[in-house]
Every structure is written in C-alpha cells, then in structure tokens.
Amino acid sequence: MATFPAITPSYGAQKTNRPRVRQVQFGDGYSQRLRYGLNQDPKQWDLTWQNITESNADTIEAFLEARAGAESFDWTTPDGSTGKWICQEWTKVIPYLNRATITATFTQVFEP
C-alpha cells in the first residue's frame, strides 16, 4: 500500500462527515432513522497546498496520477487520524514562476 508523500497541506483544510442513514417516513408524520452499513461515517477532506515548489507539486501530482482515483493510499489527516483514502479529483494552478497550488479532495474508503 502506498503512503501519501509527507508534504503538509496549507492551513484551512476542511473535513466533511457524511453519516450513512436510512430514513423511513410514515403516513402520520412519524419517521424512523437507522444507521446504514458497517462503516457508517466516512470522512472527506478538502485540501490545499498553496504556493509550494514546482517540485513538490510534481511529486503530489505524480502520486495521485499513479493511483488514478481507483487505488487507495495511506494518509494521516491534519488532526492526526490515519486511514485509507482515494483522490478522484485535484487541480493544479501555477500562479508564479516555479510555484504551484494544488487543491484535492480525499475521500475515506474502508478496505482491509
């Protein structure tokens, strides 16, 4: 299993929780909710590496391209949790000579 390169994202990373819940609505207005699945609360991180060197940007981009959004990788979140993640979308902007900004969305997956 590959491990994401040790390049720290910029401050302002955003974590989103999306608990899996099934809801049944009854005719009298009563509803019932139930957690769904074994891994009920996958996380998603929106990350930015702002004004990093072109070399670091190339390292990140090559790592993500090698997995093409299908192969998971190990990564430690900014709050210190570890897990398996995929990245199906990222953007690279070159604002200055030899500098780059990468934004990416990491989605937690549950695999052995």
Protein backbone atom coordinates (compact mmCIF):
# COMPACT_ATOMS: atom_id res chain seq x y z
CA MET A 1 0.00 0.00 0.00
CA ALA A 2 1.38 3.38 -0.99
CA THR A 3 1.69 6.20 1.51
CA PHE A 4 0.97 9.80 0.51
CA PRO A 5 4.15 11.95 0.39
CA ALA A 6 4.96 13.86 3.59
CA ILE A 7 4.05 17.27 2.18
CA THR A 8 1.85 19.13 4.66
CA PRO A 9 -1.23 20.89 3.26
CA SER A 10 -1.84 24.58 3.98
CA TYR A 11 -3.98 25.68 6.91
CA GLY A 12 -7.70 25.82 6.24
CA ALA A 13 -8.21 22.15 5.40
CA GLN A 14 -11.89 21.27 5.62
CA LYS A 15 -13.29 17.96 6.87
CA THR A 16 -16.80 16.82 5.97
CA ASN A 17 -18.65 13.96 7.66
CA ARG A 18 -21.39 12.16 5.76
CA PRO A 19 -23.04 9.59 8.04
CA ARG A 20 -24.95 6.91 6.17
CA VAL A 21 -28.53 6.91 7.39
CA ARG A 22 -31.68 5.32 6.00
CA GLN A 23 -34.96 7.02 6.84
CA VAL A 24 -38.50 5.71 6.60
CA GLN A 25 -41.33 8.25 6.57
CA PHE A 26 -44.69 7.04 7.81
CA GLY A 27 -48.05 8.48 6.82
CA ASP A 28 -48.81 10.03 10.21
CA GLY A 29 -45.66 12.21 10.09
CA TYR A 30 -43.61 9.81 12.20
CA SER A 31 -40.21 8.90 10.79
CA GLN A 32 -37.59 6.39 11.77
CA ARG A 33 -33.85 6.62 11.04
CA LEU A 34 -31.29 3.85 11.07
CA ARG A 35 -27.53 3.88 10.57
CA TYR A 36 -26.68 2.00 7.40
CA GLY A 37 -23.70 -0.24 6.72
CA LEU A 38 -20.64 -1.31 8.65
CA ASN A 39 -18.64 1.88 8.17
CA GLN A 40 -21.28 4.46 8.79
CA ASP A 41 -19.36 7.72 8.88
CA PRO A 42 -16.86 8.16 6.01
CA LYS A 43 -14.87 11.40 6.04
CA GLN A 44 -13.91 13.71 3.20
CA TRP A 45 -11.08 16.26 3.32
CA ASP A 46 -10.78 19.28 1.02
CA LEU A 47 -7.08 20.15 0.96
CA THR A 48 -4.89 22.88 -0.50
CA TRP A 49 -1.14 23.00 -0.87
CA GLN A 50 -0.65 26.70 -1.54
CA ASN A 51 2.45 28.22 -3.17
CA ILE A 52 4.55 25.08 -2.86
CA THR A 53 7.59 24.45 -5.03
CA GLU A 54 7.02 23.07 -8.50
CA SER A 55 9.00 20.01 -7.44
CA ASN A 56 6.64 19.27 -4.50
CA ALA A 57 3.63 19.89 -6.75
CA ASP A 58 5.00 17.42 -9.29
CA THR A 59 5.54 14.85 -6.51
CA ILE A 60 1.92 15.18 -5.33
CA GLU A 61 0.52 15.13 -8.84
CA ALA A 62 2.58 12.11 -9.91
CA PHE A 63 1.45 10.23 -6.79
CA LEU A 64 -2.23 10.98 -7.47
CA GLU A 65 -1.97 10.23 -11.19
CA ALA A 66 -0.34 6.87 -10.48
CA ARG A 67 -3.44 5.84 -8.50
CA ALA A 68 -5.89 7.43 -10.97
CA GLY A 69 -8.63 7.73 -8.35
CA ALA A 70 -9.06 3.96 -8.14
CA GLU A 71 -6.24 2.72 -5.90
CA SER A 72 -6.33 3.68 -2.24
CA PHE A 73 -3.39 5.02 -0.26
CA ASP A 74 -2.48 5.60 3.37
CA TRP A 75 -2.61 9.17 4.66
CA THR A 76 -2.53 10.89 8.04
CA THR A 77 -5.08 13.70 8.36
CA PRO A 78 -4.23 17.15 9.74
CA ASP A 79 -5.95 16.14 13.00
CA GLY A 80 -3.74 13.05 13.33
CA SER A 81 -6.06 10.19 12.24
CA THR A 82 -4.78 7.61 9.81
CA GLY A 83 -6.75 5.71 7.23
CA LYS A 84 -7.13 4.68 3.62
CA TRP A 85 -8.13 7.30 1.09
CA ILE A 86 -8.76 7.87 -2.60
CA CYS A 87 -8.50 11.08 -4.58
CA GLN A 88 -10.66 11.25 -7.68
CA GLU A 89 -10.25 14.96 -8.36
CA TRP A 90 -7.48 17.52 -7.98
CA THR A 91 -6.46 20.81 -9.57
CA LYS A 92 -3.06 22.37 -10.15
CA VAL A 93 -2.58 26.12 -10.63
CA ILE A 94 0.76 27.78 -11.37
CA PRO A 95 0.43 31.36 -10.02
CA TYR A 96 4.15 32.27 -10.11
CA LEU A 97 7.35 31.04 -11.66
CA ASN A 98 8.45 27.75 -10.00
CA ARG A 99 5.50 27.85 -7.57
CA ALA A 100 2.22 25.93 -7.68
CA THR A 101 -1.02 25.46 -5.79
CA ILE A 102 -2.79 22.11 -5.68
CA THR A 103 -6.30 21.53 -4.38
CA ALA A 104 -7.59 17.99 -3.87
CA THR A 105 -10.44 16.10 -2.27
CA PHE A 106 -9.55 12.97 -0.29
CA THR A 107 -12.40 10.54 0.41
CA GLN A 108 -12.09 7.85 3.07
CA VAL A 109 -12.51 4.25 1.94
CA PHE A 110 -12.80 1.14 4.06
CA GLU A 111 -10.60 -1.68 2.85
CA PRO A 112 -8.54 -4.39 4.54
